[in-house]
Structure formats: structure tokens, C-alpha cells
Protein backbone atom coordinates (compact mmCIF):
# COMPACT_ATOMS: atom_id res chain seq x y z
CA MET A 1 165.79 96.82 -5.29
CA VAL A 2 168.40 93.72 -4.77
CA THR A 3 166.79 90.67 -3.29
CA GLY A 4 167.89 87.19 -2.41
CA GLY A 5 171.72 85.96 -1.40
CA GLY A 6 174.56 84.78 -3.21
CA PHE A 7 177.17 86.89 -5.30
CA ARG A 8 176.36 89.35 -7.99
CA GLN A 9 178.95 90.77 -10.12
CA THR A 10 179.85 94.58 -9.64
CA GLY A 11 177.73 96.65 -12.36
CA ARG A 12 180.19 99.41 -14.11
CA VAL A 13 180.86 102.98 -13.03
CA ILE A 14 182.53 105.92 -14.81
CA PHE A 15 185.74 107.31 -13.41
CA PHE A 16 186.65 110.89 -12.56
CA ASN A 17 189.14 112.90 -11.13
CA ALA A 18 188.99 115.84 -8.48
CA ILE A 19 192.03 117.79 -9.33
CA LEU A 20 193.62 120.47 -7.08
CA TYR A 21 196.65 122.34 -8.17
CA ASN A 22 199.28 125.22 -7.54
CA LYS A 23 198.63 127.85 -10.07
CA ASP A 24 202.08 129.26 -9.65
CA TYR A 25 203.72 125.89 -10.52
CA VAL A 26 200.87 123.60 -12.80
CA LYS A 27 199.84 125.69 -16.13
CA ASN A 28 197.90 122.50 -17.49
CA PRO A 29 196.98 119.68 -15.09
CA ASP A 30 195.28 117.65 -17.37
CA GLU A 31 198.59 116.75 -19.04
CA PHE A 32 199.75 115.13 -16.11
CA ALA A 33 196.36 112.90 -15.62
CA LEU A 34 196.42 112.02 -19.63
CA PRO A 35 198.97 109.09 -19.69
CA LEU A 36 196.68 107.39 -17.03
CA PHE A 37 193.13 108.73 -17.60
CA GLY A 38 193.03 110.23 -21.12
CA GLU A 39 191.44 113.42 -22.06
CA PRO A 40 188.56 114.20 -20.03
CA ILE A 41 185.05 114.12 -21.66
CA VAL A 42 183.62 116.55 -19.17
CA LYS A 43 184.95 119.15 -17.04
CA SER A 44 183.35 121.05 -14.12
CA ALA A 45 183.99 124.84 -14.06
CA GLU A 46 187.39 125.70 -12.38
CA PHE A 47 187.26 127.64 -9.17
CA ASP A 48 189.65 129.03 -6.54
CA PHE A 49 190.14 126.95 -3.68
CA SER A 50 189.67 129.10 -0.97
CA HIS A 51 186.58 127.76 1.00
CA THR A 52 189.25 125.90 3.46
CA SER A 53 193.02 126.09 4.21
CA TYR A 54 193.55 122.65 4.74
CA TYR A 55 196.13 122.25 1.62
CA GLU A 56 197.90 125.79 1.91
CA PRO A 57 200.64 124.30 4.70
CA GLU A 58 201.97 121.79 1.64
CA MET A 59 200.71 123.44 -1.39
CA GLY A 60 200.50 127.05 -1.33
CA GLU A 61 198.14 129.50 -1.52
CA ASN A 62 197.25 130.11 -5.24
CA LEU A 63 195.24 126.87 -5.49
CA ALA A 64 192.52 126.08 -8.04
CA LYS A 65 190.17 122.91 -8.59
CA TYR A 66 188.15 121.29 -10.98
CA PHE A 67 186.40 118.09 -11.68
CA ALA A 68 187.28 115.95 -14.70
CA LEU A 69 185.41 112.82 -16.39
CA TYR A 70 186.76 110.19 -18.28
CA ASP A 71 185.81 107.71 -20.89
CA LEU A 72 186.41 105.10 -18.60
CA VAL A 73 183.51 102.93 -18.02
CA GLU A 74 184.79 99.91 -15.97
CA HIS A 75 184.19 98.00 -12.59
CA PRO A 76 184.91 100.06 -9.56
CA ASP A 77 187.46 97.41 -8.48
CA ASN A 78 189.93 99.46 -10.36
CA LEU A 79 189.69 102.38 -7.90
CA PRO A 80 192.68 101.85 -5.89
CA ASP A 81 195.03 100.95 -8.77
CA TYR A 82 193.86 104.51 -10.15
CA LYS A 83 194.43 106.03 -6.51
CA ILE A 84 197.97 104.51 -6.45
CA HIS A 85 198.67 106.00 -9.81
CA ALA A 86 197.60 109.37 -9.24
CA VAL A 87 199.96 109.25 -5.79
CA ASN A 88 202.98 108.68 -7.71
CA ILE A 89 202.23 111.06 -10.44
CA GLU A 90 201.71 113.71 -7.18
CA ASP A 91 205.19 112.46 -5.55
CA THR A 92 207.02 112.76 -9.04
CA LEU A 93 205.98 116.23 -9.35
CA ALA A 94 206.66 117.38 -5.94
CA VAL A 95 208.67 120.23 -5.05
CA GLY A 96 210.94 120.17 -2.02
CA GLY A 97 208.99 117.41 -1.05
CA LYS A 98 205.34 119.28 -0.95
CA ARG A 99 202.81 118.34 -3.49
CA ILE A 100 201.86 120.96 -6.35
CA ILE A 101 199.13 118.96 -7.70
CA ASN A 102 196.54 116.60 -5.89
CA ILE A 103 194.85 113.93 -8.24
CA ASP A 104 191.85 112.37 -6.44
CA PRO A 105 190.24 109.74 -8.33
CA GLY A 106 186.98 108.49 -7.83
CA TYR A 107 183.68 106.95 -9.72
CA VAL A 108 179.92 107.78 -10.17
CA ALA A 109 177.39 104.86 -9.97
CA MET A 110 174.05 105.22 -10.22
CA GLU A 111 173.30 105.52 -6.75
CA LYS A 112 176.65 106.97 -5.24
CA VAL A 113 179.97 109.13 -5.80
CA VAL A 114 183.05 107.67 -4.16
CA ALA A 115 186.22 109.20 -3.97
CA ALA A 116 189.87 107.67 -3.04
CA SER A 117 191.74 108.30 -0.18
CA THR A 118 194.94 107.18 1.38
CA LYS A 119 194.00 108.43 4.78
CA ASN A 120 191.69 106.06 6.92
CA PHE A 121 188.56 107.67 8.78
CA THR A 122 185.56 106.63 10.54
CA HIS A 123 183.31 106.55 7.20
CA ARG A 124 185.97 105.56 4.99
CA ILE A 125 186.00 101.79 4.06
CA TYR A 126 189.25 99.94 3.37
CA LEU A 127 189.85 98.44 -0.07
CA ARG A 128 193.37 97.36 -0.75
CA ASP A 129 196.86 98.60 -1.00
CA ASN A 130 196.11 101.28 1.83
CA ILE A 131 193.47 102.63 -0.19
CA TYR A 132 190.27 103.47 0.97
CA GLY A 133 186.91 104.13 -0.39
CA ASP A 134 185.12 107.73 0.71
CA LEU A 135 181.40 107.83 0.07
CA GLN A 136 180.78 111.45 -0.90
CA LEU A 137 177.41 111.59 -2.05
CA TYR A 138 174.27 109.04 -2.56
CA ARG A 139 171.10 108.86 -4.26
CA ARG A 140 168.04 110.19 -2.84
CA LYS A 141 164.85 111.16 -4.59
CA GLY A 142 166.12 111.73 -7.86
CA SER A 143 169.37 113.55 -7.16
CA TYR A 144 172.67 113.02 -5.41
CA VAL A 145 173.00 114.23 -1.91
CA PRO A 146 175.74 114.90 0.42
CA LEU A 147 176.40 113.14 4.18
CA GLU A 148 177.59 114.78 7.34
CA TRP A 149 181.14 114.29 6.17
CA THR A 150 181.09 115.13 2.45
CA PHE A 151 183.73 117.41 1.23
CA GLN A 152 182.19 121.02 0.78
CA ASP A 153 183.36 121.32 -2.68
CA TYR A 154 181.45 118.42 -3.37
CA GLN A 155 178.23 120.03 -2.25
CA PHE A 156 178.92 123.17 -4.61
CA ASP A 157 175.43 123.13 -7.14
CA PHE A 158 177.72 123.11 -10.26
CA VAL A 159 179.88 120.02 -8.86
CA LEU A 160 176.47 118.26 -8.36
CA GLY A 161 175.47 119.26 -11.85
CA PHE A 162 178.89 118.05 -12.93
CA PHE A 163 178.03 114.22 -11.24
CA GLU A 164 174.46 114.31 -12.88
CA LYS A 165 175.87 114.78 -16.14
CA ALA A 166 178.52 112.19 -15.18
CA ARG A 167 175.45 109.90 -14.17
CA LYS A 168 173.53 110.55 -17.36
CA ILE A 169 176.74 109.61 -19.45
CA LEU A 170 177.21 106.51 -17.48
CA GLU A 171 173.55 105.63 -17.88
CA GLN A 172 173.93 105.84 -21.97
CA ARG A 173 176.97 104.10 -22.40
CA VAL A 174 175.62 100.93 -20.46
CA GLY A 175 172.13 100.87 -19.45
CA MET A 176 170.76 100.52 -16.00
CA ALA A 177 171.13 96.75 -16.05
CA GLU A 178 174.80 97.06 -16.15
CA THR A 179 175.40 99.72 -13.41
CA CYS A 180 175.41 99.36 -9.65
CA GLY A 181 172.27 97.26 -9.11
CA ILE A 182 169.52 100.26 -8.95
CA ILE A 183 166.43 98.86 -10.06
CA GLN A 184 163.82 101.44 -10.44
CA GLN A 185 160.52 100.01 -8.93
CA LYS A 186 157.41 100.46 -10.61
CA LYS A 187 154.39 102.27 -9.04
CA ARG A 188 151.68 100.09 -8.30
CA PRO A 189 148.26 100.71 -9.89
CA ASP A 190 146.89 102.64 -6.54
CA GLY A 191 149.85 105.02 -6.86
CA ARG A 192 152.07 103.59 -4.20
């Protein structure tokens, strides 16, 4: 619980990428993210991106996706910078003006998972430099849960497991006091 007014320093978060790519063109997506993000410290299982055809007109049909966590424990202010650099990587690798890789940075905080987006929508909050924050998951009763707009692949059980691992790493690296302000409430003697 956070009480009182005034300004507070934001807590630190840990950064990840959701990496979608065309397997016909890209053999090792990590090599393109490496200069900016470093080597992943945890990766989710890779999966065929077949639950939606949204990206097929631009990126083709042979699509795969995974989530990669990096040793980047920083303040959330850096999210727009990472997204801008990721868009530049995507543009540089484009074939015939169409992307072959989509790198979506985001961060895991103790209380939420936020992805960056270049597209505005009702639930997206403008950050700066044409970048929006897109709340994908929030913490409730000891686990991350989706919202009505959460992308389907962020709701897969193994992806939720990936975010739980990321949260545990964040807590180990910085402790609760240095994260985004979640304070565990102690139970009263009467159990409430």
C-alpha cells in the first residue's frame, strides 16, 4: 500500500522482449536484439504464431514467437528508448518494405507487466516520442492475471510462467523496497 502525497522515485523493473519473426528469413532472432539488449537470461518456449493471422499480410505465414528476459534491471523510464531502438532494428531488416521480425520490448514489475507500442488505443497510455505503455497483466492474489485487452499469447500458461520467473529474478536482484512500490500488508492478529 502506498500512502500520502508527493513525488516518489519509481522502482526498478526488469526488461523483456516479445520476439515475433518469420522463420523463412530469420534463423537466430537473438543476434539482432543482442547489441541493444544483450544475451537473454531466460527464454520462454518458442511457439508457432498461429492463433491469429493479424501479422500475416506483412510478415508472411511461417511465424514463430518467444519471450526473452534480459539482465536489464532499470527504471521503467527507459521503455520508450528500447522501443524506438527496436523499431529501428525492424526497419533495417525489412524486406521489400515489410518486416520480417517484430521486437516488442516491455518490462516486468512486481505488480504488472507492461509492453511498449507505437499504436494508440483506448487502454494505452502515452509515454513520449510516439510510444505508448500497454498494460498486459496485473498482479492479483499472488499471480499475474490478464485484462480484457491482453494479447492472447500473454495469457498462455507457459508465458505466465515466464513472467513469474522474471518477477522472482527482479525480486532477487533488487528486493521489494527497490521495485515499483508494492508493500506487503501484514495480517492483523485476528487474521484479517
